[in-house]
Structures are given as C-alpha cells and as structure tokens.
Amino acid sequence: MAEKKDSRHRTLTEARKAANKRYIDKFVEVKVRMTPEHRTEVQQHAQEMGESTTAFINRAIDETMERDKEAKKK
C-alpha cells in the first residue's frame, strides 16, 4: 500500500523559491512592539474588516498620514 504524502509539507521547486525571493525582496520589515493583548485586538479588528493584519496596519498608517497632511494645510 502506497503512503499518502502530507500536502502541508510540499517541497518548493527552485522556480518557486526564486519567485518567492523576488517578491520578498520588494519589501522591508518594520518591527512594532505591542502587548499580546493589543496584538490580539488588532488582529481581530483586521479580521472583522476582512483584511490581513498587515493590510490593516498599512491602511491605518496611510489614512493617518493623509489626515496629518490635511491638518497641516489648515
């Protein structure tokens, strides 16, 4: 009887590894410190909004920067 492969542990092809690297190289990481409780709140809020935590944080930054620019004009 043949063994079933665990689909969660697929080996990446060299092409996939290269594509992943090209994608990752387009970004930088920014570390943000917060309590575990606050992280949970942020993650839950992002999920409720139908977006990833990263997308939510980026949106929050963009919206705040835009508001700050508008306030500075006044």
C-alpha atoms as a PDB file:
ATOM      1  CA  MET A   1       0.000   0.000   0.000  1.00  0.00           C
ATOM      2  CA  ALA A   2       1.392   3.418  -1.001  1.00  0.00           C
ATOM      3  CA  GLU A   3       1.973   6.052   1.660  1.00  0.00           C
ATOM      4  CA  LYS A   4      -0.033   9.245   1.429  1.00  0.00           C
ATOM      5  CA  LYS A   5       2.011  12.411   1.239  1.00  0.00           C
ATOM      6  CA  ASP A   6       1.247  15.126   3.747  1.00  0.00           C
ATOM      7  CA  SER A   7       0.195  18.036   1.492  1.00  0.00           C
ATOM      8  CA  ARG A   8       1.155  20.554   4.191  1.00  0.00           C
ATOM      9  CA  HIS A   9       4.835  19.776   3.675  1.00  0.00           C
ATOM     10  CA  ARG A  10       5.360  20.234  -0.056  1.00  0.00           C
ATOM     11  CA  THR A  11       8.856  20.781  -1.328  1.00  0.00           C
ATOM     12  CA  LEU A  12       9.310  24.089  -3.121  1.00  0.00           C
ATOM     13  CA  THR A  13      10.687  23.994  -6.621  1.00  0.00           C
ATOM     14  CA  GLU A  14      13.695  26.133  -7.451  1.00  0.00           C
ATOM     15  CA  ALA A  15      11.435  28.324  -9.610  1.00  0.00           C
ATOM     16  CA  ARG A  16       9.025  28.868  -6.705  1.00  0.00           C
ATOM     17  CA  LYS A  17      11.912  29.672  -4.349  1.00  0.00           C
ATOM     18  CA  ALA A  18      13.229  32.253  -6.834  1.00  0.00           C
ATOM     19  CA  ALA A  19       9.764  33.780  -7.283  1.00  0.00           C
ATOM     20  CA  ASN A  20       9.283  33.990  -3.511  1.00  0.00           C
ATOM     21  CA  LYS A  21      12.664  35.694  -3.132  1.00  0.00           C
ATOM     22  CA  ARG A  22      11.869  38.257  -5.851  1.00  0.00           C
ATOM     23  CA  TYR A  23       8.578  39.043  -4.093  1.00  0.00           C
ATOM     24  CA  ILE A  24      10.114  39.343  -0.618  1.00  0.00           C
ATOM     25  CA  ASP A  25      12.980  41.497  -1.918  1.00  0.00           C
ATOM     26  CA  LYS A  26      10.444  44.205  -2.873  1.00  0.00           C
ATOM     27  CA  PHE A  27       9.614  44.858   0.782  1.00  0.00           C
ATOM     28  CA  VAL A  28      11.249  45.806   4.056  1.00  0.00           C
ATOM     29  CA  GLU A  29      10.163  44.710   7.500  1.00  0.00           C
ATOM     30  CA  VAL A  30       9.240  47.154  10.237  1.00  0.00           C
ATOM     31  CA  LYS A  31       9.075  45.845  13.774  1.00  0.00           C
ATOM     32  CA  VAL A  32       6.321  47.196  16.019  1.00  0.00           C
ATOM     33  CA  ARG A  33       6.182  46.417  19.714  1.00  0.00           C
ATOM     34  CA  MET A  34       2.862  45.996  21.480  1.00  0.00           C
ATOM     35  CA  THR A  35       1.382  43.902  24.225  1.00  0.00           C
ATOM     36  CA  PRO A  36       0.000  40.493  23.294  1.00  0.00           C
ATOM     37  CA  GLU A  37      -3.474  41.773  24.204  1.00  0.00           C
ATOM     38  CA  HIS A  38      -3.190  44.730  21.850  1.00  0.00           C
ATOM     39  CA  ARG A  39      -1.888  42.478  19.067  1.00  0.00           C
ATOM     40  CA  THR A  40      -4.943  40.260  19.528  1.00  0.00           C
ATOM     41  CA  GLU A  41      -7.226  43.311  19.316  1.00  0.00           C
ATOM     42  CA  VAL A  42      -5.520  44.491  16.127  1.00  0.00           C
ATOM     43  CA  GLN A  43      -5.712  41.023  14.561  1.00  0.00           C
ATOM     44  CA  GLN A  44      -9.390  40.654  15.475  1.00  0.00           C
ATOM     45  CA  HIS A  45     -10.238  44.090  14.109  1.00  0.00           C
ATOM     46  CA  ALA A  46      -8.427  43.387  10.850  1.00  0.00           C
ATOM     47  CA  GLN A  47     -10.261  40.081  10.516  1.00  0.00           C
ATOM     48  CA  GLU A  48     -13.601  41.798  11.156  1.00  0.00           C
ATOM     49  CA  MET A  49     -12.731  44.276   8.403  1.00  0.00           C
ATOM     50  CA  GLY A  50     -11.953  41.391   6.047  1.00  0.00           C
ATOM     51  CA  GLU A  51      -8.269  42.158   5.677  1.00  0.00           C
ATOM     52  CA  SER A  52      -4.948  40.842   6.854  1.00  0.00           C
ATOM     53  CA  THR A  53      -3.254  42.389   9.856  1.00  0.00           C
ATOM     54  CA  THR A  54      -0.532  43.774   7.582  1.00  0.00           C
ATOM     55  CA  ALA A  55      -3.093  45.310   5.204  1.00  0.00           C
ATOM     56  CA  PHE A  56      -4.953  46.874   8.130  1.00  0.00           C
ATOM     57  CA  ILE A  57      -1.775  48.351   9.635  1.00  0.00           C
ATOM     58  CA  ASN A  58      -0.712  49.756   6.255  1.00  0.00           C
ATOM     59  CA  ARG A  59      -4.182  51.243   5.735  1.00  0.00           C
ATOM     60  CA  ALA A  60      -4.123  52.797   9.218  1.00  0.00           C
ATOM     61  CA  ILE A  61      -0.727  54.356   8.501  1.00  0.00           C
ATOM     62  CA  ASP A  62      -1.808  55.679   5.090  1.00  0.00           C
ATOM     63  CA  GLU A  63      -5.058  57.164   6.435  1.00  0.00           C
ATOM     64  CA  THR A  64      -3.304  58.792   9.396  1.00  0.00           C
ATOM     65  CA  MET A  65      -0.615  60.299   7.175  1.00  0.00           C
ATOM     66  CA  GLU A  66      -3.289  61.702   4.853  1.00  0.00           C
ATOM     67  CA  ARG A  67      -5.207  63.237   7.794  1.00  0.00           C
ATOM     68  CA  ASP A  68      -1.984  64.720   9.141  1.00  0.00           C
ATOM     69  CA  LYS A  69      -1.213  66.306   5.755  1.00  0.00           C
ATOM     70  CA  GLU A  70      -4.713  67.789   5.567  1.00  0.00           C
ATOM     71  CA  ALA A  71      -4.487  69.140   9.124  1.00  0.00           C
ATOM     72  CA  LYS A  72      -1.132  70.719   8.347  1.00  0.00           C
ATOM     73  CA  LYS A  73      -2.631  72.597   5.379  1.00  0.00           C
ATOM     74  CA  LYS A  74      -5.166  74.354   7.639  1.00  0.00           C
END
